[in-house]
C-alpha atoms as a PDB file:
ATOM      1  CA  MET A   1      89.452  46.680-111.673  1.00  0.00           C
ATOM      2  CA  GLU A   2      86.342  47.641-113.590  1.00  0.00           C
ATOM      3  CA  PRO A   3      83.411  49.314-111.773  1.00  0.00           C
ATOM      4  CA  GLN A   4      81.093  46.557-112.994  1.00  0.00           C
ATOM      5  CA  MET A   5      83.102  43.971-111.065  1.00  0.00           C
ATOM      6  CA  ILE A   6      82.984  46.079-107.898  1.00  0.00           C
ATOM      7  CA  LEU A   7      79.221  46.461-108.303  1.00  0.00           C
ATOM      8  CA  LEU A   8      78.808  42.712-108.781  1.00  0.00           C
ATOM      9  CA  PHE A   9      80.920  42.067-105.680  1.00  0.00           C
ATOM     10  CA  THR A  10      78.780  44.548-103.719  1.00  0.00           C
ATOM     11  CA  LEU A  11      75.570  42.848-104.835  1.00  0.00           C
ATOM     12  CA  THR A  12      77.061  39.525-103.726  1.00  0.00           C
ATOM     13  CA  VAL A  13      78.274  40.476-100.241  1.00  0.00           C
ATOM     14  CA  LEU A  14      75.626  43.026 -99.235  1.00  0.00           C
ATOM     15  CA  PRO A  15      72.934  40.379 -98.615  1.00  0.00           C
ATOM     16  CA  LEU A  16      75.453  38.449 -96.501  1.00  0.00           C
ATOM     17  CA  ILE A  17      76.231  41.557 -94.450  1.00  0.00           C
ATOM     18  CA  CYS A  18      72.528  42.242 -93.914  1.00  0.00           C
ATOM     19  CA  THR A  19      71.820  38.654 -92.880  1.00  0.00           C
ATOM     20  CA  PRO A  20      71.677  38.327 -89.078  1.00  0.00           C
ATOM     21  CA  GLY A  21      74.889  36.783 -87.839  1.00  0.00           C
ATOM     22  CA  PRO A  22      77.408  37.201 -84.993  1.00  0.00           C
ATOM     23  CA  ASP A  23      78.408  40.722 -86.113  1.00  0.00           C
ATOM     24  CA  MET A  24      74.859  42.039 -86.430  1.00  0.00           C
ATOM     25  CA  ILE A  25      73.701  40.388 -83.214  1.00  0.00           C
ATOM     26  CA  PHE A  26      76.620  41.903 -81.308  1.00  0.00           C
ATOM     27  CA  VAL A  27      76.039  45.405 -82.708  1.00  0.00           C
ATOM     28  CA  THR A  28      72.324  45.118 -81.956  1.00  0.00           C
ATOM     29  CA  SER A  29      72.906  44.104 -78.348  1.00  0.00           C
ATOM     30  CA  GLN A  30      75.413  46.896 -77.802  1.00  0.00           C
ATOM     31  CA  ALA A  31      73.239  49.602 -79.394  1.00  0.00           C
ATOM     32  CA  LEU A  32      70.135  48.607 -77.454  1.00  0.00           C
ATOM     33  CA  SER A  33      72.003  48.294 -74.171  1.00  0.00           C
ATOM     34  CA  GLY A  34      74.431  51.214 -74.429  1.00  0.00           C
ATOM     35  CA  GLY A  35      72.952  53.457 -77.110  1.00  0.00           C
ATOM     36  CA  THR A  36      74.179  54.657 -80.488  1.00  0.00           C
ATOM     37  CA  ALA A  37      77.733  55.312 -79.299  1.00  0.00           C
ATOM     38  CA  ALA A  38      78.113  51.746 -78.031  1.00  0.00           C
ATOM     39  CA  GLY A  39      76.823  50.372 -81.323  1.00  0.00           C
ATOM     40  CA  LEU A  40      79.203  52.568 -83.307  1.00  0.00           C
ATOM     41  CA  ARG A  41      82.155  51.470 -81.182  1.00  0.00           C
ATOM     42  CA  ALA A  42      81.221  47.847 -81.782  1.00  0.00           C
ATOM     43  CA  THR A  43      80.937  48.630 -85.507  1.00  0.00           C
ATOM     44  CA  PHE A  44      84.381  50.232 -85.497  1.00  0.00           C
ATOM     45  CA  GLY A  45      85.858  47.151 -83.836  1.00  0.00           C
ATOM     46  CA  ILE A  46      84.192  44.873 -86.381  1.00  0.00           C
ATOM     47  CA  CYS A  47      85.619  46.918 -89.263  1.00  0.00           C
ATOM     48  CA  LEU A  48      89.085  46.737 -87.686  1.00  0.00           C
ATOM     49  CA  GLY A  49      88.739  42.969 -87.455  1.00  0.00           C
ATOM     50  CA  TYR A  50      87.904  42.657 -91.130  1.00  0.00           C
ATOM     51  CA  GLY A  51      90.928  44.849 -91.803  1.00  0.00           C
ATOM     52  CA  VAL A  52      93.013  41.952 -90.461  1.00  0.00           C
ATOM     53  CA  HIS A  53      91.347  39.604 -92.942  1.00  0.00           C
ATOM     54  CA  SER A  54      92.140  42.125 -95.681  1.00  0.00           C
ATOM     55  CA  GLY A  55      95.785  42.112 -94.727  1.00  0.00           C
ATOM     56  CA  LEU A  56      95.868  38.319 -94.751  1.00  0.00           C
ATOM     57  CA  VAL A  57      94.352  38.180 -98.223  1.00  0.00           C
ATOM     58  CA  ALA A  58      96.693  40.834 -99.590  1.00  0.00           C
ATOM     59  CA  ALA A  59      99.714  39.078 -98.105  1.00  0.00           C
ATOM     60  CA  GLY A  60      98.646  35.739 -99.523  1.00  0.00           C
ATOM     61  CA  LEU A  61      98.337  34.188 -96.077  1.00  0.00           C
ATOM     62  CA  ALA A  62      94.639  33.506 -96.592  1.00  0.00           C
ATOM     63  CA  ALA A  63      95.509  31.038 -99.335  1.00  0.00           C
ATOM     64  CA  ILE A  64      97.939  29.295 -96.990  1.00  0.00           C
ATOM     65  CA  ILE A  65      95.358  29.062 -94.228  1.00  0.00           C
ATOM     66  CA  ALA A  66      92.679  27.833 -96.625  1.00  0.00           C
ATOM     67  CA  ALA A  67      95.092  25.264 -98.041  1.00  0.00           C
ATOM     68  CA  SER A  68      95.884  23.903 -94.572  1.00  0.00           C
ATOM     69  CA  PRO A  69      92.838  21.980 -93.299  1.00  0.00           C
ATOM     70  CA  ILE A  70      94.256  21.680 -89.779  1.00  0.00           C
ATOM     71  CA  LEU A  71      95.091  25.372 -89.450  1.00  0.00           C
ATOM     72  CA  PHE A  72      91.780  26.495 -90.918  1.00  0.00           C
ATOM     73  CA  GLU A  73      89.848  24.055 -88.717  1.00  0.00           C
ATOM     74  CA  ALA A  74      91.690  25.285 -85.612  1.00  0.00           C
ATOM     75  CA  LEU A  75      90.866  28.883 -86.479  1.00  0.00           C
ATOM     76  CA  ARG A  76      87.235  27.931 -87.088  1.00  0.00           C
ATOM     77  CA  TRP A  77      86.945  26.316 -83.654  1.00  0.00           C
ATOM     78  CA  VAL A  78      88.515  29.319 -81.960  1.00  0.00           C
ATOM     79  CA  GLY A  79      85.762  31.385 -83.594  1.00  0.00           C
ATOM     80  CA  ILE A  80      83.078  28.968 -82.388  1.00  0.00           C
ATOM     81  CA  LEU A  81      84.384  29.076 -78.823  1.00  0.00           C
ATOM     82  CA  TYR A  82      84.444  32.864 -78.883  1.00  0.00           C
ATOM     83  CA  LEU A  83      80.826  32.947 -80.084  1.00  0.00           C
ATOM     84  CA  LEU A  84      79.905  30.734 -77.126  1.00  0.00           C
ATOM     85  CA  TYR A  85      81.741  33.124 -74.806  1.00  0.00           C
ATOM     86  CA  LEU A  86      79.820  36.101 -76.203  1.00  0.00           C
ATOM     87  CA  ALA A  87      76.573  34.148 -75.926  1.00  0.00           C
ATOM     88  CA  SER A  88      77.190  33.325 -72.275  1.00  0.00           C
ATOM     89  CA  THR A  89      78.066  36.963 -71.543  1.00  0.00           C
ATOM     90  CA  LEU A  90      74.804  38.212 -73.066  1.00  0.00           C
ATOM     91  CA  ILE A  91      72.703  35.556 -71.353  1.00  0.00           C
ATOM     92  CA  ARG A  92      74.288  36.215 -67.953  1.00  0.00           C
ATOM     93  CA  SER A  93      73.667  39.938 -68.408  1.00  0.00           C
ATOM     94  CA  ALA A  94      70.048  39.263 -69.380  1.00  0.00           C
ATOM     95  CA  LEU A  95      69.569  37.125 -66.280  1.00  0.00           C
ATOM     96  CA  GLY A  96      71.107  39.816 -64.111  1.00  0.00           C
ATOM     97  CA  HIS A  97      73.986  37.640 -62.925  1.00  0.00           C
ATOM     98  CA  THR A  98      76.620  40.029 -64.221  1.00  0.00           C
ATOM     99  CA  LYS A  99      77.177  43.700 -64.896  1.00  0.00           C
ATOM    100  CA  ALA A 100      78.684  42.992 -68.295  1.00  0.00           C
ATOM    101  CA  GLY A 101      75.917  44.755 -70.174  1.00  0.00           C
ATOM    102  CA  ALA A 102      76.931  47.296 -72.818  1.00  0.00           C
ATOM    103  CA  ALA A 103      76.023  50.228 -70.572  1.00  0.00           C
ATOM    104  CA  THR A 104      78.792  49.286 -68.130  1.00  0.00           C
ATOM    105  CA  VAL A 105      81.391  48.003 -70.571  1.00  0.00           C
ATOM    106  CA  THR A 106      84.280  50.348 -71.320  1.00  0.00           C
ATOM    107  CA  SER A 107      84.651  51.869 -74.763  1.00  0.00           C
ATOM    108  CA  ALA A 108      87.915  50.034 -75.388  1.00  0.00           C
ATOM    109  CA  ARG A 109      86.318  46.731 -74.429  1.00  0.00           C
ATOM    110  CA  GLN A 110      83.409  47.281 -76.804  1.00  0.00           C
ATOM    111  CA  ILE A 111      85.852  47.912 -79.647  1.00  0.00           C
ATOM    112  CA  ARG A 112      87.948  44.904 -78.675  1.00  0.00           C
ATOM    113  CA  ARG A 113      84.929  42.609 -78.543  1.00  0.00           C
ATOM    114  CA  GLY A 114      83.771  43.853 -81.934  1.00  0.00           C
ATOM    115  CA  PHE A 115      87.266  43.259 -83.295  1.00  0.00           C
ATOM    116  CA  LEU A 116      87.373  39.670 -82.046  1.00  0.00           C
ATOM    117  CA  THR A 117      83.824  39.009 -83.223  1.00  0.00           C
ATOM    118  CA  SER A 118      84.723  39.788 -86.846  1.00  0.00           C
ATOM    119  CA  VAL A 119      88.249  38.338 -86.798  1.00  0.00           C
ATOM    120  CA  LEU A 120      86.899  35.012 -85.558  1.00  0.00           C
ATOM    121  CA  ASN A 121      83.636  35.126 -87.512  1.00  0.00           C
ATOM    122  CA  PRO A 122      83.461  32.040 -89.778  1.00  0.00           C
ATOM    123  CA  LYS A 123      81.111  33.903 -92.149  1.00  0.00           C
ATOM    124  CA  GLY A 124      83.739  36.593 -92.567  1.00  0.00           C
ATOM    125  CA  MET A 125      86.366  33.930 -93.231  1.00  0.00           C
ATOM    126  CA  MET A 126      84.115  32.438 -95.909  1.00  0.00           C
ATOM    127  CA  ILE A 127      83.741  35.800 -97.659  1.00  0.00           C
ATOM    128  CA  TYR A 128      87.474  36.441 -97.682  1.00  0.00           C
ATOM    129  CA  PHE A 129      88.686  32.914 -98.379  1.00  0.00           C
ATOM    130  CA  ALA A 130      86.015  31.705-100.807  1.00  0.00           C
ATOM    131  CA  ILE A 131      84.022  34.574-102.312  1.00  0.00           C
ATOM    132  CA  LEU A 132      86.475  37.453-102.663  1.00  0.00           C
ATOM    133  CA  PRO A 133      89.073  35.518-104.741  1.00  0.00           C
ATOM    134  CA  GLN A 134      86.378  34.763-107.349  1.00  0.00           C
ATOM    135  CA  PHE A 135      86.252  38.452-108.262  1.00  0.00           C
ATOM    136  CA  ILE A 136      89.996  38.793-108.819  1.00  0.00           C
ATOM    137  CA  ILE A 137      90.478  38.300-112.547  1.00  0.00           C
ATOM    138  CA  ASP A 138      93.832  39.972-113.174  1.00  0.00           C
ATOM    139  CA  ARG A 139      96.378  37.655-111.553  1.00  0.00           C
ATOM    140  CA  ALA A 140      99.098  40.265-112.036  1.00  0.00           C
ATOM    141  CA  SER A 141      97.398  42.572-109.532  1.00  0.00           C
ATOM    142  CA  VAL A 142      96.036  40.110-106.997  1.00  0.00           C
ATOM    143  CA  ALA A 143      97.170  42.009-103.891  1.00  0.00           C
ATOM    144  CA  TRP A 144      95.818  45.369-105.102  1.00  0.00           C
ATOM    145  CA  HIS A 145      92.470  43.925-106.161  1.00  0.00           C
ATOM    146  CA  ALA A 146      92.191  41.986-102.893  1.00  0.00           C
ATOM    147  CA  VAL A 147      92.742  45.175-100.904  1.00  0.00           C
ATOM    148  CA  LEU A 148      90.253  47.122-103.046  1.00  0.00           C
ATOM    149  CA  LEU A 149      87.512  44.518-102.698  1.00  0.00           C
ATOM    150  CA  SER A 150      88.255  44.221 -98.978  1.00  0.00           C
ATOM    151  CA  LEU A 151      87.815  47.960 -98.547  1.00  0.00           C
ATOM    152  CA  VAL A 152      84.479  47.753-100.364  1.00  0.00           C
ATOM    153  CA  PHE A 153      83.341  44.983 -98.032  1.00  0.00           C
ATOM    154  CA  ILE A 154      84.516  46.833 -94.907  1.00  0.00           C
ATOM    155  CA  ALA A 155      82.873  50.062 -96.078  1.00  0.00           C
ATOM    156  CA  TRP A 156      79.518  48.341 -96.502  1.00  0.00           C
ATOM    157  CA  CYS A 157      79.881  46.668 -93.099  1.00  0.00           C
ATOM    158  CA  GLY A 158      80.479  50.096 -91.582  1.00  0.00           C
ATOM    159  CA  ILE A 159      77.524  51.662 -93.391  1.00  0.00           C
ATOM    160  CA  VAL A 160      75.046  48.885 -92.554  1.00  0.00           C
ATOM    161  CA  TYR A 161      76.043  48.473 -88.909  1.00  0.00           C
ATOM    162  CA  ALA A 162      76.361  52.216 -88.291  1.00  0.00           C
ATOM    163  CA  ALA A 163      72.854  52.737 -89.693  1.00  0.00           C
ATOM    164  CA  LEU A 164      71.608  49.912 -87.473  1.00  0.00           C
ATOM    165  CA  SER A 165      73.296  51.507 -84.454  1.00  0.00           C
ATOM    166  CA  LEU A 166      71.740  54.903 -85.173  1.00  0.00           C
ATOM    167  CA  MET A 167      68.278  53.402 -85.598  1.00  0.00           C
ATOM    168  CA  LEU A 168      68.417  51.237 -82.485  1.00  0.00           C
ATOM    169  CA  GLY A 169      70.036  54.005 -80.459  1.00  0.00           C
ATOM    170  CA  ARG A 170      67.171  56.290 -81.432  1.00  0.00           C
ATOM    171  CA  ILE A 171      64.641  53.664 -80.388  1.00  0.00           C
ATOM    172  CA  ARG A 172      66.407  53.347 -77.045  1.00  0.00           C
ATOM    173  CA  THR A 173      66.458  57.142 -76.570  1.00  0.00           C
ATOM    174  CA  LEU A 174      62.728  57.322 -77.187  1.00  0.00           C
ATOM    175  CA  GLY A 175      62.217  54.822 -74.411  1.00  0.00           C
ATOM    176  CA  ALA A 176      60.783  52.120 -76.631  1.00  0.00           C
ATOM    177  CA  ILE A 177      63.218  49.667 -75.038  1.00  0.00           C
ATOM    178  CA  ASP A 178      63.141  49.484 -71.225  1.00  0.00           C
ATOM    179  CA  ASN A 179      65.295  47.322 -68.963  1.00  0.00           C
ATOM    180  CA  ARG A 180      62.998  44.348 -69.511  1.00  0.00           C
ATOM    181  CA  GLY A 181      63.264  44.841 -73.255  1.00  0.00           C
ATOM    182  CA  ARG A 182      67.044  45.022 -72.992  1.00  0.00           C
ATOM    183  CA  ARG A 183      67.100  41.736 -71.089  1.00  0.00           C
ATOM    184  CA  ILE A 184      64.926  40.103 -73.740  1.00  0.00           C
ATOM    185  CA  VAL A 185      67.161  41.379 -76.548  1.00  0.00           C
ATOM    186  CA  GLU A 186      70.357  40.280 -74.810  1.00  0.00           C
ATOM    187  CA  GLY A 187      68.905  36.883 -73.888  1.00  0.00           C
ATOM    188  CA  SER A 188      67.606  36.339 -77.418  1.00  0.00           C
ATOM    189  CA  GLY A 189      70.913  37.485 -78.892  1.00  0.00           C
ATOM    190  CA  GLY A 190      72.829  35.112 -76.638  1.00  0.00           C
ATOM    191  CA  GLY A 191      70.542  32.265 -77.626  1.00  0.00           C
ATOM    192  CA  LEU A 192      70.964  33.016 -81.323  1.00  0.00           C
ATOM    193  CA  LEU A 193      74.744  33.112 -80.938  1.00  0.00           C
ATOM    194  CA  MET A 194      74.667  29.722 -79.221  1.00  0.00           C
ATOM    195  CA  ILE A 195      72.557  28.321 -82.060  1.00  0.00           C
ATOM    196  CA  ALA A 196      74.933  29.841 -84.631  1.00  0.00           C
ATOM    197  CA  ALA A 197      77.952  28.360 -82.842  1.00  0.00           C
ATOM    198  CA  ALA A 198      76.291  24.929 -82.669  1.00  0.00           C
ATOM    199  CA  ALA A 199      75.355  25.056 -86.352  1.00  0.00           C
ATOM    200  CA  MET A 200      78.901  26.001 -87.302  1.00  0.00           C
ATOM    201  CA  ALA A 201      80.273  23.178 -85.202  1.00  0.00           C
ATOM    202  CA  VAL A 202      77.931  20.593 -86.740  1.00  0.00           C
ATOM    203  CA  LEU A 203      77.799  21.832 -90.341  1.00  0.00           C
ATOM    204  CA  GLY A 204      81.376  23.156 -90.646  1.00  0.00           C
END
């Protein structure tokens, strides 16, 4: 694959990665609540989740899922329900009805939640099922090109979300975000996730 095609793919997906969505909202909530390390663990989980999408594309299963309206729709609704679950968790933490905030969540759980957030993220599905195939020109090397473009996408996800985690973790360390600020961020994040889930349900 030519470097120009990789650059064009980067210019296409980078704005999507930087657009606030379930992944970014989750990383933001974790970094502000639990610090840089929590944000980085969430980022790692998100990258692992997109690794699953990469494997599906390379194996050709993505085409099968996309070609099956029922299967794709079922997967989409699982993602919507998981977004609602994350939203309720953040809102309950913001209201003080639970201790599920990032500061008390185990490292493994942060990674697992990040993993599920990206695996079930409809925006991620759109990138892999609709956008990525458009940049595969050589049909004789579909699997290799799919893996290469997937790695580019995952790398940029890692870079953007890791930078966000470092920045927000620094803000938290400096004391710019107190407990009240954390509650506001978590409550706002939960609300945004609920709106995103509702929009996906109505517009999908």
